[in-house]
Structures are given as structure tokens and as C-alpha cells.
Amino acid sequence: MARFDKSIALANRLITKNGSSVILRRFDDAVAPDPTTPWRVGAATTTDYVATIVFLPLGSENNVDGTENYVFGENTHKSQTRAYMAPNVAVRPRLTDRIIDGSQEWEIDDIRVLEPNGQEVLYELIVRN
């Protein structure tokens, strides 16, 4: 039994209870079909993974002109949202992935991982549509 199993279980339980089921779409570059012409790559492939994510608005404190927010010592754009994802997905999120929530598509701007002792407890994503 690992040291943070209870924290991981709690994160999974709360995100499953309060989150929404989304698609995490992974884009993978295609391999060149002919090794003698590596600059002619084929079409990129996509793989979809089902994930549960909680979307929360970023704080609006210190919002001077209505276009930016100040969060964690950095400026964030008004169209950005915070998303929490438990590590119960088959893959670790990347900046090139997209999150599909119904008809809304989110791009990932930043990924922060809570991983004490090397165990992934929670992903905090800063996303924008």
C-alpha cells in the first residue's frame, strides 16, 4: 500500500461525484511512410480517452480591466478555466491534447501535477476554449 492511496481515492471520489464525463483527445504525429523522405509525413492520428473533469472558474480578484485575472502570482486570460482531473485515466495529459465537453472544445494551456512521493494524486489543468 502506497503512502498517498487515501488521497488518490478521495480525489477520484470527489471528481467523479462533482465532475462531468469528457473526452481527452490525444493527437499523435504520423510516422513518415517512406524513410527516405522523412519530411513527407502522413496524417496525424487521434485517440480518445474517457475522463472525468471538474471545471471551476479562475478567480476574478484584482481584475482591473475585465480581460485578465490574477491567480497564483500570474496573469491569466479571461477565457481560461481551471479543470481538475483525477489520475484514473489511461494516459497522462499533455499540452497538445484537447478536452471535448459536449460541443465545447478546450485547449490545455498549463498542466500542474500534485505528485508527492512520485504518486500522481491530482492534475490541475488551465484550459481555454
C-alpha atoms as a PDB file:
ATOM      1  CA  MET A   1       0.000   0.000   0.000  1.00  0.00           C
ATOM      2  CA  ALA A   2       1.387   3.339  -1.024  1.00  0.00           C
ATOM      3  CA  ARG A   3       1.527   6.310   1.273  1.00  0.00           C
ATOM      4  CA  PHE A   4      -0.983   8.549  -0.575  1.00  0.00           C
ATOM      5  CA  ASP A   5      -3.585   5.949  -1.619  1.00  0.00           C
ATOM      6  CA  LYS A   6      -6.257   7.571   0.571  1.00  0.00           C
ATOM      7  CA  SER A   7      -5.634  10.966  -1.056  1.00  0.00           C
ATOM      8  CA  ILE A   8      -5.824   9.450  -4.522  1.00  0.00           C
ATOM      9  CA  ALA A   9      -9.069   7.656  -3.649  1.00  0.00           C
ATOM     10  CA  LEU A  10     -10.529  10.887  -2.236  1.00  0.00           C
ATOM     11  CA  ALA A  11      -9.589  12.846  -5.375  1.00  0.00           C
ATOM     12  CA  ASN A  12     -11.130  10.135  -7.580  1.00  0.00           C
ATOM     13  CA  ARG A  13     -14.321  10.055  -5.497  1.00  0.00           C
ATOM     14  CA  LEU A  14     -14.831  13.840  -5.392  1.00  0.00           C
ATOM     15  CA  ILE A  15     -14.058  14.385  -9.064  1.00  0.00           C
ATOM     16  CA  THR A  16     -16.363  11.525 -10.067  1.00  0.00           C
ATOM     17  CA  LYS A  17     -19.137  12.925  -7.866  1.00  0.00           C
ATOM     18  CA  ASN A  18     -18.842  16.579  -8.926  1.00  0.00           C
ATOM     19  CA  GLY A  19     -17.321  16.349 -12.397  1.00  0.00           C
ATOM     20  CA  SER A  20     -18.571  15.722 -15.878  1.00  0.00           C
ATOM     21  CA  SER A  21     -17.585  12.967 -18.272  1.00  0.00           C
ATOM     22  CA  VAL A  22     -15.477  14.330 -21.128  1.00  0.00           C
ATOM     23  CA  ILE A  23     -13.235  13.068 -23.904  1.00  0.00           C
ATOM     24  CA  LEU A  24      -9.490  13.615 -23.675  1.00  0.00           C
ATOM     25  CA  ARG A  25      -8.380  13.631 -27.317  1.00  0.00           C
ATOM     26  CA  ARG A  26      -4.734  12.736 -27.912  1.00  0.00           C
ATOM     27  CA  PHE A  27      -3.077  13.857 -31.157  1.00  0.00           C
ATOM     28  CA  ASP A  28      -0.104  11.770 -32.290  1.00  0.00           C
ATOM     29  CA  ASP A  29       2.161  12.739 -35.148  1.00  0.00           C
ATOM     30  CA  ALA A  30       2.206  10.326 -38.024  1.00  0.00           C
ATOM     31  CA  VAL A  31       5.331   8.458 -38.974  1.00  0.00           C
ATOM     32  CA  ALA A  32       6.771   9.108 -42.416  1.00  0.00           C
ATOM     33  CA  PRO A  33       5.622   6.241 -44.663  1.00  0.00           C
ATOM     34  CA  ASP A  34       8.879   6.346 -46.613  1.00  0.00           C
ATOM     35  CA  PRO A  35      12.077   6.605 -44.504  1.00  0.00           C
ATOM     36  CA  THR A  36      13.947   8.158 -47.433  1.00  0.00           C
ATOM     37  CA  THR A  37      11.571  11.163 -47.389  1.00  0.00           C
ATOM     38  CA  PRO A  38      11.037  11.959 -43.687  1.00  0.00           C
ATOM     39  CA  TRP A  39       9.610  15.407 -44.480  1.00  0.00           C
ATOM     40  CA  ARG A  40       6.520  13.845 -46.072  1.00  0.00           C
ATOM     41  CA  VAL A  41       4.606  12.668 -43.064  1.00  0.00           C
ATOM     42  CA  GLY A  42       1.153  11.162 -43.168  1.00  0.00           C
ATOM     43  CA  ALA A  43      -1.925  12.443 -41.392  1.00  0.00           C
ATOM     44  CA  ALA A  44      -1.860  12.745 -37.621  1.00  0.00           C
ATOM     45  CA  THR A  45      -3.872  10.188 -35.682  1.00  0.00           C
ATOM     46  CA  THR A  46      -6.189  10.834 -32.772  1.00  0.00           C
ATOM     47  CA  THR A  47      -7.078   8.628 -29.829  1.00  0.00           C
ATOM     48  CA  ASP A  48      -9.948   9.382 -27.476  1.00  0.00           C
ATOM     49  CA  TYR A  49      -9.909   8.588 -23.752  1.00  0.00           C
ATOM     50  CA  VAL A  50     -12.858   8.979 -21.401  1.00  0.00           C
ATOM     51  CA  ALA A  51     -12.092  11.147 -18.377  1.00  0.00           C
ATOM     52  CA  THR A  52     -13.992  12.894 -15.604  1.00  0.00           C
ATOM     53  CA  ILE A  53     -13.097  16.528 -15.045  1.00  0.00           C
ATOM     54  CA  VAL A  54     -14.331  19.243 -12.682  1.00  0.00           C
ATOM     55  CA  PHE A  55     -14.355  22.694 -14.293  1.00  0.00           C
ATOM     56  CA  LEU A  56     -14.011  25.704 -11.971  1.00  0.00           C
ATOM     57  CA  PRO A  57     -13.739  29.373 -12.935  1.00  0.00           C
ATOM     58  CA  LEU A  58     -10.488  31.129 -12.221  1.00  0.00           C
ATOM     59  CA  GLY A  59     -10.672  33.794  -9.533  1.00  0.00           C
ATOM     60  CA  SER A  60     -11.507  37.328 -10.559  1.00  0.00           C
ATOM     61  CA  GLU A  61      -9.591  39.108  -7.813  1.00  0.00           C
ATOM     62  CA  ASN A  62      -7.551  42.117  -8.923  1.00  0.00           C
ATOM     63  CA  ASN A  63      -9.437  42.209 -12.225  1.00  0.00           C
ATOM     64  CA  VAL A  64      -8.670  45.742 -13.392  1.00  0.00           C
ATOM     65  CA  ASP A  65      -9.859  45.968 -16.983  1.00  0.00           C
ATOM     66  CA  GLY A  66     -12.071  42.869 -17.192  1.00  0.00           C
ATOM     67  CA  THR A  67      -9.817  40.886 -19.519  1.00  0.00           C
ATOM     68  CA  GLU A  68      -7.343  39.269 -17.141  1.00  0.00           C
ATOM     69  CA  ASN A  69      -7.391  37.517 -13.812  1.00  0.00           C
ATOM     70  CA  TYR A  70      -4.629  37.274 -11.254  1.00  0.00           C
ATOM     71  CA  VAL A  71      -4.170  33.748  -9.925  1.00  0.00           C
ATOM     72  CA  PHE A  72      -1.217  32.154  -8.136  1.00  0.00           C
ATOM     73  CA  GLY A  73       1.094  35.051  -8.917  1.00  0.00           C
ATOM     74  CA  GLU A  74       0.433  35.054 -12.644  1.00  0.00           C
ATOM     75  CA  ASN A  75      -1.888  36.721 -15.109  1.00  0.00           C
ATOM     76  CA  THR A  76      -4.444  34.518 -16.784  1.00  0.00           C
ATOM     77  CA  HIS A  77      -6.762  35.380 -19.619  1.00  0.00           C
ATOM     78  CA  LYS A  78     -10.498  35.765 -19.024  1.00  0.00           C
ATOM     79  CA  SER A  79     -11.316  32.822 -21.332  1.00  0.00           C
ATOM     80  CA  GLN A  80      -9.278  30.390 -19.225  1.00  0.00           C
ATOM     81  CA  THR A  81     -10.805  27.931 -16.778  1.00  0.00           C
ATOM     82  CA  ARG A  82      -9.347  25.645 -14.149  1.00  0.00           C
ATOM     83  CA  ALA A  83     -10.008  21.918 -14.593  1.00  0.00           C
ATOM     84  CA  TYR A  84      -9.234  19.168 -12.084  1.00  0.00           C
ATOM     85  CA  MET A  85      -8.721  15.605 -13.306  1.00  0.00           C
ATOM     86  CA  ALA A  86      -8.008  12.501 -11.257  1.00  0.00           C
ATOM     87  CA  PRO A  87      -5.203  10.194 -12.392  1.00  0.00           C
ATOM     88  CA  ASN A  88      -7.608   7.350 -13.192  1.00  0.00           C
ATOM     89  CA  VAL A  89      -7.252   7.937 -16.950  1.00  0.00           C
ATOM     90  CA  ALA A  90      -5.126   5.581 -19.028  1.00  0.00           C
ATOM     91  CA  VAL A  91      -2.777   8.394 -20.134  1.00  0.00           C
ATOM     92  CA  ARG A  92      -1.147  11.417 -18.566  1.00  0.00           C
ATOM     93  CA  PRO A  93      -2.438  14.671 -20.143  1.00  0.00           C
ATOM     94  CA  ARG A  94      -0.175  16.626 -22.491  1.00  0.00           C
ATOM     95  CA  LEU A  95      -0.290  20.222 -23.709  1.00  0.00           C
ATOM     96  CA  THR A  96      -1.143  19.019 -27.217  1.00  0.00           C
ATOM     97  CA  ASP A  97      -4.274  17.180 -26.017  1.00  0.00           C
ATOM     98  CA  ARG A  98      -7.784  18.601 -26.299  1.00  0.00           C
ATOM     99  CA  ILE A  99     -10.739  18.177 -23.954  1.00  0.00           C
ATOM    100  CA  ILE A 100     -14.116  17.694 -25.611  1.00  0.00           C
ATOM    101  CA  ASP A 101     -17.054  18.521 -23.335  1.00  0.00           C
ATOM    102  CA  GLY A 102     -20.207  18.089 -25.405  1.00  0.00           C
ATOM    103  CA  SER A 103     -19.948  20.681 -28.166  1.00  0.00           C
ATOM    104  CA  GLN A 104     -17.211  22.646 -26.391  1.00  0.00           C
ATOM    105  CA  GLU A 105     -13.533  22.025 -27.101  1.00  0.00           C
ATOM    106  CA  TRP A 106     -10.861  23.107 -24.608  1.00  0.00           C
ATOM    107  CA  GLU A 107      -7.151  23.608 -25.290  1.00  0.00           C
ATOM    108  CA  ILE A 108      -4.740  22.876 -22.460  1.00  0.00           C
ATOM    109  CA  ASP A 109      -2.505  25.846 -21.578  1.00  0.00           C
ATOM    110  CA  ASP A 110      -0.861  24.540 -18.416  1.00  0.00           C
ATOM    111  CA  ILE A 111      -0.623  21.273 -16.508  1.00  0.00           C
ATOM    112  CA  ARG A 112       0.248  21.062 -12.838  1.00  0.00           C
ATOM    113  CA  VAL A 113       0.536  17.679 -11.187  1.00  0.00           C
ATOM    114  CA  LEU A 114       0.160  17.087  -7.480  1.00  0.00           C
ATOM    115  CA  GLU A 115       2.510  14.148  -7.011  1.00  0.00           C
ATOM    116  CA  PRO A 116       4.041  13.829  -3.568  1.00  0.00           C
ATOM    117  CA  ASN A 117       6.464  10.943  -3.265  1.00  0.00           C
ATOM    118  CA  GLY A 118       6.121  10.353  -7.023  1.00  0.00           C
ATOM    119  CA  GLN A 119       2.473   9.269  -6.767  1.00  0.00           C
ATOM    120  CA  GLU A 120       0.057  11.162  -9.008  1.00  0.00           C
ATOM    121  CA  VAL A 121      -2.825  12.406  -6.857  1.00  0.00           C
ATOM    122  CA  LEU A 122      -4.383  15.126  -8.998  1.00  0.00           C
ATOM    123  CA  TYR A 123      -3.955  17.015 -12.289  1.00  0.00           C
ATOM    124  CA  GLU A 124      -4.724  20.727 -12.338  1.00  0.00           C
ATOM    125  CA  LEU A 125      -5.218  21.930 -15.896  1.00  0.00           C
ATOM    126  CA  ILE A 126      -5.568  25.511 -17.073  1.00  0.00           C
ATOM    127  CA  VAL A 127      -7.750  25.293 -20.189  1.00  0.00           C
ATOM    128  CA  ARG A 128      -9.332  27.742 -22.621  1.00  0.00           C
ATOM    129  CA  ASN A 129     -11.899  27.455 -25.370  1.00  0.00           C
END
